N, C-alpha and C. Protein backbone atom coordinates (compact mmCIF):
# COMPACT_ATOMS: atom_id res chain seq x y z
N MET A 1 69.55 19.83 65.91
CA MET A 1 70.45 20.88 66.67
C MET A 1 71.41 21.69 66.90
N LEU A 2 72.62 20.46 66.33
CA LEU A 2 73.80 20.62 66.02
C LEU A 2 74.72 21.63 64.96
N ARG A 3 73.86 21.69 64.41
CA ARG A 3 73.24 23.52 63.77
C ARG A 3 72.70 24.68 64.65
N LYS A 4 71.63 24.28 65.59
CA LYS A 4 71.15 25.63 66.22
C LYS A 4 72.41 26.15 67.06
N THR A 5 72.93 24.64 67.46
CA THR A 5 73.89 24.85 68.54
C THR A 5 75.22 25.64 67.94
N ILE A 6 75.96 25.35 66.67
CA ILE A 6 76.87 25.98 65.84
C ILE A 6 76.44 27.56 65.77
N ILE A 7 74.61 27.47 64.99
CA ILE A 7 75.07 29.40 64.59
C ILE A 7 74.92 29.88 66.39
N LEU A 8 74.37 29.44 67.38
CA LEU A 8 74.39 29.75 68.88
C LEU A 8 75.70 30.83 69.37
N GLU A 9 76.86 29.21 69.44
CA GLU A 9 78.41 29.39 69.26
C GLU A 9 79.14 31.11 68.02
N ILE A 10 78.37 30.81 67.16
CA ILE A 10 78.70 31.60 66.07
C ILE A 10 78.83 33.32 66.71
N ILE A 11 76.98 33.72 67.23
CA ILE A 11 76.61 34.88 67.49
C ILE A 11 77.00 35.20 68.89
N LEU A 12 77.32 33.79 69.63
CA LEU A 12 77.87 34.13 70.93
C LEU A 12 79.55 34.53 70.55
N ALA A 13 79.91 33.47 69.66
CA ALA A 13 81.19 34.44 70.11
C ALA A 13 81.60 35.54 69.26
N ILE A 14 80.15 35.95 68.26
CA ILE A 14 81.11 37.67 67.62
C ILE A 14 80.72 38.25 68.51
N VAL A 15 79.46 38.21 69.58
CA VAL A 15 78.77 39.17 70.36
C VAL A 15 79.80 39.30 71.94
N LEU A 16 80.98 38.04 72.37
CA LEU A 16 81.76 38.46 72.95
C LEU A 16 82.79 39.02 72.26
N GLY A 17 83.55 39.29 71.52
CA GLY A 17 84.11 39.22 70.29
C GLY A 17 83.91 41.28 70.50
N ALA A 18 82.82 41.63 69.59
CA ALA A 18 82.12 42.70 70.49
C ALA A 18 82.11 43.20 71.21
N VAL A 19 82.28 42.85 72.82
CA VAL A 19 82.23 43.20 74.32
C VAL A 19 83.71 43.39 74.78
N ALA A 20 84.33 41.80 73.99
CA ALA A 20 85.84 43.01 74.41
C ALA A 20 86.88 43.11 73.62
N TYR A 21 86.26 43.54 72.37
CA TYR A 21 87.00 44.50 71.43
C TYR A 21 86.25 46.27 71.92
N GLY A 22 84.91 45.84 72.93
CA GLY A 22 85.24 47.89 73.17
C GLY A 22 86.06 47.60 74.90
N PHE A 23 86.04 46.58 75.05
CA PHE A 23 86.77 46.36 76.52
C PHE A 23 88.72 46.96 75.57
N TYR A 24 89.03 46.28 75.35
CA TYR A 24 89.54 46.66 74.33
C TYR A 24 89.41 48.24 73.98
N VAL A 25 89.37 48.86 73.33
CA VAL A 25 89.21 50.75 73.13
C VAL A 25 88.86 50.96 74.02
N ASP A 26 88.00 51.18 75.25
CA ASP A 26 87.98 52.15 76.05
C ASP A 26 89.95 51.64 76.64
N TYR A 27 90.35 50.24 77.93
CA TYR A 27 91.64 50.18 77.42
C TYR A 27 93.07 51.23 77.07
N ALA A 28 92.37 51.35 75.53
CA ALA A 28 93.71 51.90 75.06
C ALA A 28 93.45 53.33 75.34
N LYS A 29 91.94 53.90 75.18
CA LYS A 29 92.06 55.23 75.13
C LYS A 29 92.72 55.89 77.33
N ALA A 30 92.27 54.99 78.09
CA ALA A 30 92.51 54.91 79.09
C ALA A 30 94.35 55.30 79.33
N PHE A 31 95.50 54.32 78.35
CA PHE A 31 96.03 53.94 78.49
C PHE A 31 96.99 55.34 78.00
N LYS A 32 96.19 55.40 76.89
CA LYS A 32 97.22 56.57 75.64
C LYS A 32 95.86 58.57 76.52
N GLU A 33 95.45 58.60 77.62
CA GLU A 33 95.34 59.55 78.70
C GLU A 33 96.12 59.23 79.61
N ASN A 34 95.82 57.90 80.01
CA ASN A 34 96.88 57.86 81.20
C ASN A 34 98.43 58.39 80.90
N GLN A 35 99.08 58.52 79.84
CA GLN A 35 100.70 57.98 78.90
C GLN A 35 100.38 59.85 78.82
N ALA A 36 99.40 60.41 78.42
CA ALA A 36 99.74 61.53 78.17
C ALA A 36 99.69 62.84 79.80
N ALA A 37 98.68 62.66 80.23
CA ALA A 37 99.00 63.00 81.68
C ALA A 37 101.02 62.42 82.12
N ALA A 38 100.82 61.36 82.04
CA ALA A 38 102.49 61.03 82.82
C ALA A 38 102.74 62.20 82.10
N ASP A 39 103.24 62.29 81.27
CA ASP A 39 103.92 63.42 80.33
C ASP A 39 103.66 64.98 81.03
N ARG A 40 102.36 64.62 80.93
CA ARG A 40 102.22 66.62 81.67
C ARG A 40 102.91 66.06 83.45
N LEU A 41 102.81 65.60 83.61
CA LEU A 41 103.00 65.56 85.36
C LEU A 41 104.11 66.06 85.28
N ALA A 42 104.99 65.62 84.09
CA ALA A 42 106.87 64.92 83.89
C ALA A 42 106.69 66.83 83.85
N GLU A 43 106.56 67.29 83.06
CA GLU A 43 106.84 68.93 82.39
C GLU A 43 106.34 69.10 83.64
N VAL A 44 105.70 69.29 84.41
CA VAL A 44 105.01 70.15 85.83
C VAL A 44 106.05 69.80 86.41
N ARG A 45 106.69 69.02 87.16
CA ARG A 45 107.97 68.84 87.89
C ARG A 45 108.99 69.47 87.57
N LEU A 46 109.23 69.08 86.05
CA LEU A 46 109.67 70.20 85.37
C LEU A 46 109.98 71.32 85.33
N GLU A 47 109.03 72.21 85.05
CA GLU A 47 108.28 73.87 85.44
C GLU A 47 108.78 74.24 86.88
N GLU A 48 108.37 72.79 87.37
CA GLU A 48 108.43 72.95 89.45
C GLU A 48 110.03 73.15 89.25
N ALA A 49 111.09 72.22 89.18
CA ALA A 49 112.43 72.46 89.25
C ALA A 49 112.25 73.44 89.36
N GLN A 50 112.33 74.11 88.07
CA GLN A 50 113.19 75.15 86.86
C GLN A 50 112.94 76.42 88.31
N THR A 51 111.39 77.01 88.60
CA THR A 51 110.62 77.95 89.25
C THR A 51 111.78 77.60 90.38
N GLU A 52 112.00 76.67 90.87
CA GLU A 52 112.37 76.31 92.08
C GLU A 52 113.97 77.08 92.19
N LYS A 53 114.21 76.54 91.13
CA LYS A 53 115.81 76.97 91.38
C LYS A 53 116.10 78.20 90.89
N GLU A 54 114.78 79.15 89.88
CA GLU A 54 114.69 80.86 90.39
C GLU A 54 114.69 81.60 91.31
N TYR A 55 113.96 80.37 92.18
CA TYR A 55 113.80 81.39 93.29
C TYR A 55 115.13 80.67 94.24
N ARG A 56 115.65 79.58 94.55
CA ARG A 56 116.68 79.95 95.39
C ARG A 56 117.91 81.21 94.98
N GLU A 57 117.57 80.66 92.96
CA GLU A 57 118.49 82.78 92.69
C GLU A 57 118.21 83.91 93.30
N LEU A 58 117.25 83.92 93.30
CA LEU A 58 116.60 85.56 93.69
C LEU A 58 116.76 86.35 95.33
N ASP A 59 115.93 84.83 95.62
CA ASP A 59 116.89 84.56 97.29
C ASP A 59 118.02 84.63 97.45
N GLU A 60 118.97 84.47 96.67
CA GLU A 60 120.94 84.42 96.97
C GLU A 60 120.60 85.83 96.93
N GLU A 61 120.38 86.49 95.69
CA GLU A 61 120.28 88.05 95.10
C GLU A 61 120.38 88.86 95.85
N LEU A 62 118.81 89.06 96.24
CA LEU A 62 117.97 89.11 97.40
C LEU A 62 119.32 89.50 99.09
N SER A 63 119.10 88.33 99.11
CA SER A 63 120.37 88.02 100.22
C SER A 63 121.26 89.36 99.91
N SER A 64 122.09 88.68 98.89
CA SER A 64 123.29 89.72 98.56
C SER A 64 122.94 90.89 98.17
N LEU A 65 121.60 91.79 98.11
CA LEU A 65 121.39 93.91 98.06
C LEU A 65 121.16 93.70 99.91
N ARG A 66 120.93 92.67 100.16
CA ARG A 66 120.19 93.22 101.22
C ARG A 66 121.67 93.39 102.45
N GLU A 67 122.60 92.96 101.80
CA GLU A 67 123.91 93.28 102.68
C GLU A 67 124.74 94.75 102.40
N SER A 68 124.17 94.49 100.97
CA SER A 68 125.38 95.51 99.81
C SER A 68 124.22 96.85 100.54
N VAL A 69 123.01 96.76 101.08
CA VAL A 69 122.35 98.00 101.69
C VAL A 69 123.05 98.40 103.40
N ASP A 70 122.51 97.47 103.76
CA ASP A 70 123.44 96.99 104.64
C ASP A 70 124.71 97.97 105.16
N LEU A 71 125.23 97.85 104.32
CA LEU A 71 126.70 97.68 104.43
C LEU A 71 126.82 99.44 103.43
N LYS A 72 126.46 99.90 103.13
CA LYS A 72 125.94 101.00 103.05
C LYS A 72 125.53 102.11 103.95
N ILE A 73 124.78 101.77 104.22
CA ILE A 73 123.69 102.21 105.84
C ILE A 73 125.07 102.77 106.66
N LEU A 74 125.61 101.57 106.32
CA LEU A 74 127.38 101.59 107.96
C LEU A 74 127.90 101.89 107.10
N GLU A 75 128.36 102.74 106.48
CA GLU A 75 128.87 103.75 105.84
C GLU A 75 129.24 105.18 105.98
N ILE A 76 127.48 104.97 105.83
CA ILE A 76 126.77 106.37 105.98
C ILE A 76 126.70 106.58 107.64
N TRP A 77 126.54 105.27 108.10
CA TRP A 77 126.49 105.99 109.72
C TRP A 77 127.81 105.91 110.23
N LYS A 78 129.36 105.71 109.49
CA LYS A 78 131.11 106.44 110.37
C LYS A 78 130.59 107.23 109.95
N ARG A 79 130.77 107.57 108.58
CA ARG A 79 130.79 109.19 108.10
C ARG A 79 129.42 110.30 108.26
N ARG A 80 129.15 109.61 109.22
CA ARG A 80 127.71 110.92 109.81
C ARG A 80 128.50 111.01 111.27
N VAL A 81 129.49 109.65 112.09
CA VAL A 81 129.57 109.91 113.13
C VAL A 81 131.50 110.63 112.98
N ALA A 82 131.96 110.63 112.37
CA ALA A 82 132.56 110.76 111.95
C ALA A 82 132.77 112.50 111.76
N GLN A 83 131.64 112.98 110.93
CA GLN A 83 131.51 114.09 110.81
C GLN A 83 131.31 114.82 112.63
N LEU A 84 130.01 114.45 113.26
CA LEU A 84 129.73 114.79 114.14
C LEU A 84 131.24 114.57 115.11
N GLN A 85 132.25 114.11 115.75
CA GLN A 85 133.34 113.88 116.43
C GLN A 85 133.62 115.08 115.93
N LYS A 86 134.17 115.36 114.95
CA LYS A 86 134.48 116.85 114.00
C LYS A 86 134.12 117.41 114.96
N GLU A 87 132.77 117.77 114.61
CA GLU A 87 132.50 119.18 115.17
C GLU A 87 133.24 119.13 116.76
N LEU A 88 132.03 118.18 117.56
CA LEU A 88 132.62 117.92 118.87
C LEU A 88 133.96 118.47 118.83
N GLU A 89 134.71 118.13 118.12
CA GLU A 89 136.47 118.87 118.44
C GLU A 89 136.59 120.13 118.26
């Protein structure tokens, strides 16, 4: 009877060890996938920050160009008004 109990305990220990090892393998795989996802998320956030910075720079450049165009249009109108004033005189 004792011999059967010892054999049963050994079999049970082997089965529980195999189940525990299966859980460990699944956990390790999930942990690696989670780490890879976290790394990719960090890369995406870095790219997002860089894209946002480029967007702000382009927006500033666009605003500068708009001001430049507005100033040139204003200069053209001033010259045209001056020409019209000379023609009226």
